[in-house]
N, C-alpha and C. Protein backbone atom coordinates (compact mmCIF):
# COMPACT_ATOMS: atom_id res chain seq x y z
N MET A 1 23.00 10.55 12.87
CA MET A 1 21.74 11.12 12.46
C MET A 1 22.01 12.50 11.85
N PRO A 2 21.33 12.82 10.79
CA PRO A 2 21.52 14.15 10.19
C PRO A 2 20.71 15.20 10.94
N TYR A 3 21.08 16.46 10.76
CA TYR A 3 20.24 17.53 11.25
C TYR A 3 18.97 17.54 10.41
N VAL A 4 17.84 17.81 11.05
CA VAL A 4 16.58 17.86 10.33
C VAL A 4 15.79 19.09 10.74
N ILE A 5 14.91 19.51 9.86
CA ILE A 5 13.96 20.57 10.15
C ILE A 5 12.66 19.89 10.52
N VAL A 6 12.12 20.22 11.69
CA VAL A 6 10.85 19.62 12.08
C VAL A 6 9.72 20.33 11.35
N ALA A 7 8.79 19.57 10.83
CA ALA A 7 7.71 20.13 10.03
C ALA A 7 6.40 19.44 10.37
N ASP A 8 5.31 19.99 9.85
CA ASP A 8 4.01 19.36 10.05
C ASP A 8 3.60 18.63 8.79
N GLU A 9 2.34 18.20 8.75
CA GLU A 9 1.86 17.37 7.65
C GLU A 9 1.83 18.09 6.31
N ALA A 10 1.89 19.42 6.32
CA ALA A 10 1.83 20.18 5.08
C ALA A 10 3.09 20.00 4.22
N PHE A 11 4.16 19.55 4.82
CA PHE A 11 5.43 19.39 4.12
C PHE A 11 5.62 17.95 3.70
N GLY A 12 6.38 17.76 2.65
CA GLY A 12 6.76 16.42 2.23
C GLY A 12 7.97 15.97 3.02
N ILE A 13 8.09 14.67 3.20
CA ILE A 13 9.25 14.16 3.92
C ILE A 13 10.46 14.21 3.00
N HIS A 14 11.59 14.52 3.58
CA HIS A 14 12.84 14.66 2.84
C HIS A 14 13.95 14.29 3.79
N ARG A 15 15.11 14.10 3.26
CA ARG A 15 16.27 13.74 4.08
C ARG A 15 16.47 14.70 5.24
N ASN A 16 16.21 15.99 5.03
CA ASN A 16 16.42 16.99 6.08
C ASN A 16 15.13 17.66 6.54
N ILE A 17 13.97 17.13 6.13
CA ILE A 17 12.69 17.65 6.60
C ILE A 17 11.92 16.48 7.20
N MET A 18 11.67 16.56 8.49
CA MET A 18 10.99 15.49 9.19
C MET A 18 9.54 15.88 9.44
N ARG A 19 8.63 15.04 9.00
CA ARG A 19 7.21 15.26 9.22
C ARG A 19 6.64 14.04 9.94
N PRO A 20 5.48 14.17 10.57
CA PRO A 20 4.92 13.03 11.30
C PRO A 20 4.44 11.91 10.38
N TYR A 21 4.25 10.75 10.96
CA TYR A 21 3.63 9.65 10.24
C TYR A 21 2.17 10.02 9.98
N PRO A 22 1.68 9.79 8.77
CA PRO A 22 0.28 10.12 8.47
C PRO A 22 -0.66 9.03 8.98
N GLY A 23 -1.92 9.40 9.14
CA GLY A 23 -2.95 8.42 9.48
C GLY A 23 -3.33 8.45 10.94
N ARG A 24 -4.37 7.68 11.24
CA ARG A 24 -4.90 7.63 12.60
C ARG A 24 -4.59 6.32 13.31
N CYS A 25 -4.58 5.24 12.59
CA CYS A 25 -4.35 3.92 13.18
C CYS A 25 -2.86 3.60 13.14
N LEU A 26 -2.12 4.25 14.02
CA LEU A 26 -0.67 4.09 14.03
C LEU A 26 -0.26 3.16 15.16
N THR A 27 0.88 2.54 15.00
CA THR A 27 1.45 1.73 16.08
C THR A 27 1.91 2.66 17.19
N THR A 28 2.12 2.12 18.37
CA THR A 28 2.54 2.91 19.52
C THR A 28 3.85 3.63 19.26
N ASP A 29 4.81 2.96 18.65
CA ASP A 29 6.10 3.61 18.40
C ASP A 29 5.98 4.77 17.42
N LYS A 30 5.07 4.66 16.45
CA LYS A 30 4.86 5.77 15.51
C LYS A 30 4.13 6.92 16.21
N LYS A 31 3.21 6.61 17.10
CA LYS A 31 2.53 7.65 17.87
C LYS A 31 3.52 8.40 18.75
N ILE A 32 4.45 7.67 19.34
CA ILE A 32 5.48 8.31 20.16
C ILE A 32 6.34 9.21 19.31
N PHE A 33 6.74 8.75 18.13
CA PHE A 33 7.53 9.60 17.24
C PHE A 33 6.76 10.87 16.92
N ASN A 34 5.48 10.75 16.54
CA ASN A 34 4.67 11.92 16.21
C ASN A 34 4.57 12.88 17.39
N TYR A 35 4.39 12.33 18.59
CA TYR A 35 4.32 13.17 19.78
C TYR A 35 5.63 13.92 20.00
N ARG A 36 6.74 13.22 19.91
CA ARG A 36 8.05 13.85 20.15
C ARG A 36 8.35 14.90 19.09
N LEU A 37 7.99 14.64 17.82
CA LEU A 37 8.19 15.61 16.76
C LEU A 37 7.32 16.84 16.99
N SER A 38 6.08 16.63 17.40
CA SER A 38 5.17 17.74 17.68
C SER A 38 5.69 18.57 18.84
N ARG A 39 6.21 17.92 19.85
CA ARG A 39 6.77 18.63 21.01
C ARG A 39 7.96 19.49 20.58
N ALA A 40 8.81 18.96 19.72
CA ALA A 40 9.96 19.73 19.23
C ALA A 40 9.49 20.93 18.42
N ARG A 41 8.47 20.73 17.59
CA ARG A 41 7.94 21.82 16.77
C ARG A 41 7.36 22.92 17.64
N ARG A 42 6.62 22.56 18.67
CA ARG A 42 6.05 23.56 19.59
C ARG A 42 7.15 24.32 20.31
N TYR A 43 8.20 23.63 20.70
CA TYR A 43 9.32 24.26 21.38
C TYR A 43 9.99 25.29 20.48
N VAL A 44 10.23 24.92 19.23
CA VAL A 44 10.85 25.84 18.26
C VAL A 44 9.96 27.06 18.04
N GLU A 45 8.66 26.83 17.88
CA GLU A 45 7.73 27.94 17.68
C GLU A 45 7.72 28.88 18.87
N CYS A 46 7.79 28.33 20.07
CA CYS A 46 7.82 29.15 21.29
C CYS A 46 9.09 30.00 21.33
N VAL A 47 10.22 29.40 21.05
CA VAL A 47 11.50 30.13 21.06
C VAL A 47 11.50 31.20 19.98
N PHE A 48 10.96 30.88 18.80
CA PHE A 48 10.90 31.89 17.75
C PHE A 48 10.02 33.06 18.19
N GLY A 49 8.94 32.78 18.91
CA GLY A 49 8.10 33.84 19.45
C GLY A 49 8.86 34.72 20.43
N GLN A 50 9.70 34.10 21.24
CA GLN A 50 10.53 34.87 22.18
C GLN A 50 11.53 35.76 21.43
N ILE A 51 12.15 35.18 20.41
CA ILE A 51 13.13 35.95 19.63
C ILE A 51 12.43 37.10 18.91
N THR A 52 11.25 36.84 18.36
CA THR A 52 10.50 37.87 17.66
C THR A 52 10.13 39.02 18.60
N SER A 53 9.77 38.69 19.84
CA SER A 53 9.40 39.74 20.78
C SER A 53 10.62 40.55 21.24
N LYS A 54 11.79 39.95 21.21
CA LYS A 54 13.01 40.66 21.63
C LYS A 54 13.59 41.55 20.53
N PHE A 55 13.52 41.08 19.29
CA PHE A 55 14.19 41.76 18.20
C PHE A 55 13.18 42.25 17.17
N ARG A 56 13.05 43.55 17.07
CA ARG A 56 12.05 44.18 16.23
C ARG A 56 12.20 43.85 14.75
N ILE A 57 13.40 43.47 14.33
CA ILE A 57 13.62 43.20 12.91
C ILE A 57 12.72 42.08 12.39
N PHE A 58 12.25 41.20 13.30
CA PHE A 58 11.42 40.07 12.89
C PHE A 58 9.92 40.41 12.85
N HIS A 59 9.56 41.66 13.15
CA HIS A 59 8.15 42.05 13.12
C HIS A 59 7.64 42.25 11.71
N ASN A 60 8.52 42.47 10.77
CA ASN A 60 8.16 42.69 9.37
C ASN A 60 9.08 41.89 8.47
N THR A 61 8.90 42.02 7.18
CA THR A 61 9.80 41.39 6.22
C THR A 61 11.20 41.97 6.41
N ILE A 62 12.20 41.11 6.39
CA ILE A 62 13.58 41.57 6.51
C ILE A 62 14.03 42.07 5.14
N ASN A 63 14.30 43.34 5.04
CA ASN A 63 14.67 43.95 3.76
C ASN A 63 16.18 43.93 3.57
N LEU A 64 16.72 42.74 3.48
CA LEU A 64 18.16 42.55 3.27
C LEU A 64 18.37 41.47 2.22
N GLN A 65 19.58 41.40 1.73
CA GLN A 65 19.95 40.31 0.83
C GLN A 65 19.89 38.99 1.61
N PRO A 66 19.63 37.88 0.93
CA PRO A 66 19.52 36.60 1.63
C PRO A 66 20.72 36.27 2.52
N ASP A 67 21.94 36.53 2.03
CA ASP A 67 23.12 36.23 2.85
C ASP A 67 23.13 37.05 4.13
N SER A 68 22.74 38.31 4.04
CA SER A 68 22.68 39.17 5.22
C SER A 68 21.55 38.73 6.15
N SER A 69 20.43 38.30 5.59
CA SER A 69 19.31 37.83 6.41
C SER A 69 19.71 36.61 7.23
N ILE A 70 20.45 35.72 6.62
CA ILE A 70 20.92 34.53 7.33
C ILE A 70 21.79 34.94 8.51
N LEU A 71 22.67 35.90 8.31
CA LEU A 71 23.53 36.37 9.39
C LEU A 71 22.72 37.02 10.51
N VAL A 72 21.67 37.77 10.16
CA VAL A 72 20.82 38.40 11.16
C VAL A 72 20.12 37.35 12.01
N VAL A 73 19.58 36.32 11.36
CA VAL A 73 18.89 35.25 12.09
C VAL A 73 19.87 34.51 13.01
N LYS A 74 21.05 34.20 12.50
CA LYS A 74 22.04 33.52 13.33
C LYS A 74 22.46 34.38 14.51
N ALA A 75 22.67 35.67 14.28
CA ALA A 75 23.06 36.59 15.36
C ALA A 75 21.95 36.67 16.42
N ALA A 76 20.70 36.72 15.97
CA ALA A 76 19.58 36.77 16.92
C ALA A 76 19.53 35.51 17.77
N CYS A 77 19.79 34.36 17.16
CA CYS A 77 19.80 33.09 17.91
C CYS A 77 20.92 33.08 18.95
N VAL A 78 22.10 33.53 18.55
CA VAL A 78 23.23 33.57 19.47
C VAL A 78 22.93 34.53 20.62
N LEU A 79 22.41 35.71 20.30
CA LEU A 79 22.07 36.68 21.34
C LEU A 79 20.98 36.14 22.27
N HIS A 80 20.00 35.49 21.72
CA HIS A 80 18.93 34.91 22.53
C HIS A 80 19.51 33.89 23.51
N ASN A 81 20.37 32.99 23.01
CA ASN A 81 20.98 31.98 23.88
C ASN A 81 21.86 32.63 24.95
N PHE A 82 22.60 33.67 24.58
CA PHE A 82 23.44 34.39 25.53
C PHE A 82 22.59 34.99 26.65
N ILE A 83 21.51 35.63 26.27
CA ILE A 83 20.62 36.27 27.25
C ILE A 83 20.01 35.22 28.17
N LYS A 84 19.56 34.10 27.62
CA LYS A 84 18.96 33.04 28.43
C LYS A 84 19.98 32.44 29.41
N ARG A 85 21.20 32.19 28.93
CA ARG A 85 22.22 31.61 29.82
C ARG A 85 22.61 32.59 30.91
N ARG A 86 22.70 33.85 30.55
CA ARG A 86 23.06 34.87 31.54
C ARG A 86 21.97 34.95 32.62
N ALA A 87 20.72 34.88 32.20
CA ALA A 87 19.62 34.91 33.16
C ALA A 87 19.66 33.69 34.07
N LEU A 88 19.98 32.52 33.52
CA LEU A 88 20.10 31.32 34.35
C LEU A 88 21.21 31.45 35.37
N ASN A 89 22.36 31.97 34.93
CA ASN A 89 23.49 32.13 35.84
C ASN A 89 23.18 33.16 36.93
N ALA A 90 22.43 34.20 36.59
CA ALA A 90 22.10 35.24 37.56
C ALA A 90 21.17 34.71 38.66
N THR A 91 20.33 33.75 38.32
CA THR A 91 19.39 33.21 39.30
C THR A 91 19.86 31.89 39.88
N ASP A 92 21.09 31.49 39.55
CA ASP A 92 21.63 30.20 40.00
C ASP A 92 20.71 29.04 39.65
N GLY A 93 20.05 29.15 38.51
CA GLY A 93 19.17 28.09 38.04
C GLY A 93 19.98 26.93 37.52
N GLU A 94 19.28 25.86 37.20
CA GLU A 94 19.96 24.69 36.65
C GLU A 94 20.41 24.99 35.23
N LYS A 95 21.61 24.57 34.93
CA LYS A 95 22.10 24.72 33.56
C LYS A 95 21.58 23.58 32.72
N GLU A 96 21.49 23.82 31.43
CA GLU A 96 20.99 22.81 30.51
C GLU A 96 21.91 21.60 30.53
N ASP A 97 21.33 20.42 30.69
CA ASP A 97 22.09 19.18 30.70
C ASP A 97 22.30 18.70 29.27
N ILE A 98 23.54 18.78 28.81
CA ILE A 98 23.84 18.35 27.45
C ILE A 98 24.72 17.10 27.45
N SER A 99 24.83 16.45 28.61
CA SER A 99 25.71 15.29 28.70
C SER A 99 25.23 14.13 27.84
N ASN A 100 23.93 14.05 27.57
CA ASN A 100 23.39 12.94 26.80
C ASN A 100 23.34 13.22 25.30
N GLN A 101 23.69 14.43 24.90
CA GLN A 101 23.62 14.77 23.49
C GLN A 101 24.92 14.38 22.79
N GLN A 102 24.79 13.94 21.55
CA GLN A 102 25.95 13.56 20.77
C GLN A 102 25.96 14.37 19.50
N ASN A 103 27.13 14.48 18.88
CA ASN A 103 27.19 15.16 17.59
C ASN A 103 26.36 14.40 16.58
N MET A 104 25.56 15.14 15.82
CA MET A 104 24.72 14.51 14.81
C MET A 104 25.40 14.67 13.46
N THR A 105 25.71 13.57 12.84
CA THR A 105 26.34 13.61 11.54
C THR A 105 25.58 12.70 10.59
N PRO A 106 25.55 13.03 9.31
CA PRO A 106 24.83 12.18 8.36
C PRO A 106 25.39 10.76 8.33
N VAL A 107 24.49 9.78 8.27
CA VAL A 107 24.93 8.39 8.23
C VAL A 107 24.41 7.65 7.02
N LEU A 108 23.46 8.24 6.29
CA LEU A 108 22.86 7.54 5.16
C LEU A 108 23.22 8.19 3.84
N GLN A 109 23.27 7.37 2.80
CA GLN A 109 23.46 7.89 1.46
C GLN A 109 22.15 8.51 0.99
N ARG A 110 22.24 9.47 0.08
CA ARG A 110 21.03 10.06 -0.48
C ARG A 110 20.36 9.05 -1.42
N THR A 111 19.15 8.72 -1.08
CA THR A 111 18.35 7.86 -1.94
C THR A 111 16.94 8.42 -1.96
N ARG A 112 16.12 7.85 -2.80
CA ARG A 112 14.74 8.31 -2.92
C ARG A 112 13.99 8.16 -1.60
N ASN A 113 14.30 7.13 -0.84
CA ASN A 113 13.59 6.85 0.39
C ASN A 113 14.36 7.25 1.63
N SER A 114 15.41 8.07 1.49
CA SER A 114 16.24 8.37 2.65
C SER A 114 15.47 9.12 3.73
N GLY A 115 14.49 9.96 3.37
CA GLY A 115 13.68 10.64 4.38
C GLY A 115 12.89 9.66 5.21
N LEU A 116 12.33 8.64 4.55
CA LEU A 116 11.57 7.62 5.28
C LEU A 116 12.50 6.81 6.19
N GLN A 117 13.70 6.51 5.70
CA GLN A 117 14.66 5.75 6.51
C GLN A 117 15.09 6.55 7.73
N ILE A 118 15.34 7.83 7.54
CA ILE A 118 15.77 8.67 8.65
C ILE A 118 14.65 8.80 9.67
N ARG A 119 13.41 8.97 9.20
CA ARG A 119 12.28 9.05 10.13
C ARG A 119 12.19 7.76 10.95
N ASN A 120 12.40 6.61 10.31
CA ASN A 120 12.37 5.35 11.05
C ASN A 120 13.51 5.25 12.06
N LEU A 121 14.68 5.79 11.71
CA LEU A 121 15.79 5.80 12.66
C LEU A 121 15.45 6.65 13.89
N PHE A 122 14.86 7.82 13.66
CA PHE A 122 14.44 8.66 14.78
C PHE A 122 13.37 7.95 15.61
N LYS A 123 12.42 7.30 14.95
CA LYS A 123 11.36 6.55 15.64
C LYS A 123 11.98 5.49 16.54
N ASP A 124 12.92 4.74 16.00
CA ASP A 124 13.58 3.69 16.79
C ASP A 124 14.34 4.30 17.97
N TYR A 125 15.01 5.41 17.74
CA TYR A 125 15.76 6.07 18.81
C TYR A 125 14.82 6.54 19.93
N PHE A 126 13.71 7.18 19.56
CA PHE A 126 12.76 7.68 20.56
C PHE A 126 12.12 6.56 21.36
N ASN A 127 12.14 5.35 20.84
CA ASN A 127 11.52 4.22 21.53
C ASN A 127 12.54 3.32 22.23
N THR A 128 13.83 3.65 22.14
CA THR A 128 14.85 2.84 22.82
C THR A 128 15.75 3.76 23.65
N LEU A 129 16.93 4.07 23.13
CA LEU A 129 17.89 4.87 23.88
C LEU A 129 17.40 6.27 24.23
N GLY A 130 16.64 6.89 23.34
CA GLY A 130 16.18 8.26 23.55
C GLY A 130 14.82 8.36 24.22
N ALA A 131 14.31 7.26 24.73
CA ALA A 131 12.99 7.28 25.37
C ALA A 131 13.03 8.09 26.66
N VAL A 132 11.95 8.78 26.93
CA VAL A 132 11.79 9.51 28.20
C VAL A 132 10.64 8.86 28.96
N PRO A 133 10.68 8.90 30.29
CA PRO A 133 9.71 8.14 31.09
C PRO A 133 8.25 8.52 30.85
N TRP A 134 7.97 9.74 30.50
CA TRP A 134 6.60 10.23 30.39
C TRP A 134 6.01 10.13 29.00
N GLN A 135 6.77 9.70 28.01
CA GLN A 135 6.26 9.74 26.63
C GLN A 135 5.09 8.78 26.42
N ASN A 136 5.09 7.63 27.06
CA ASN A 136 3.98 6.69 26.88
C ASN A 136 2.67 7.23 27.44
N ASP A 137 2.75 8.05 28.48
CA ASP A 137 1.53 8.63 29.07
C ASP A 137 0.90 9.66 28.18
N GLN A 138 1.66 10.22 27.23
CA GLN A 138 1.17 11.31 26.40
C GLN A 138 0.46 10.86 25.13
N ILE A 139 0.49 9.60 24.83
CA ILE A 139 -0.05 9.14 23.55
C ILE A 139 -1.35 8.36 23.70
N VAL A 140 -2.04 8.56 24.74
CA VAL A 140 -3.28 7.82 25.06
C VAL A 140 -4.05 7.43 23.89
């Protein structure tokens, strides 16, 4: 599976931009995909809010060259993860379980419909191997 950017309905689907299935009368598996994508988007927005509150540089426009801006964002992400892990270790909390995660690498050729194909692959994954016990309860 390729890395993707989670997006909402305002964006077009693309090989690396994942948006929900449109419409209201969706099948259960498509509703589950939309729920899982929405959950991921909310999680990212929450983390970005945490990073913004920690690092003042994100309160305004970053007045740097694009290459430098990318480095600042990456550094902030690394520092955020370091701080979170250190806090977990200090409180003897549970560490993040990454045993079920696999390296994500591109598997499809670029075609006009590759975004749709990738979305279907994610949909199938969320409804089989990647299913979580509570997802069906969330799509009433």
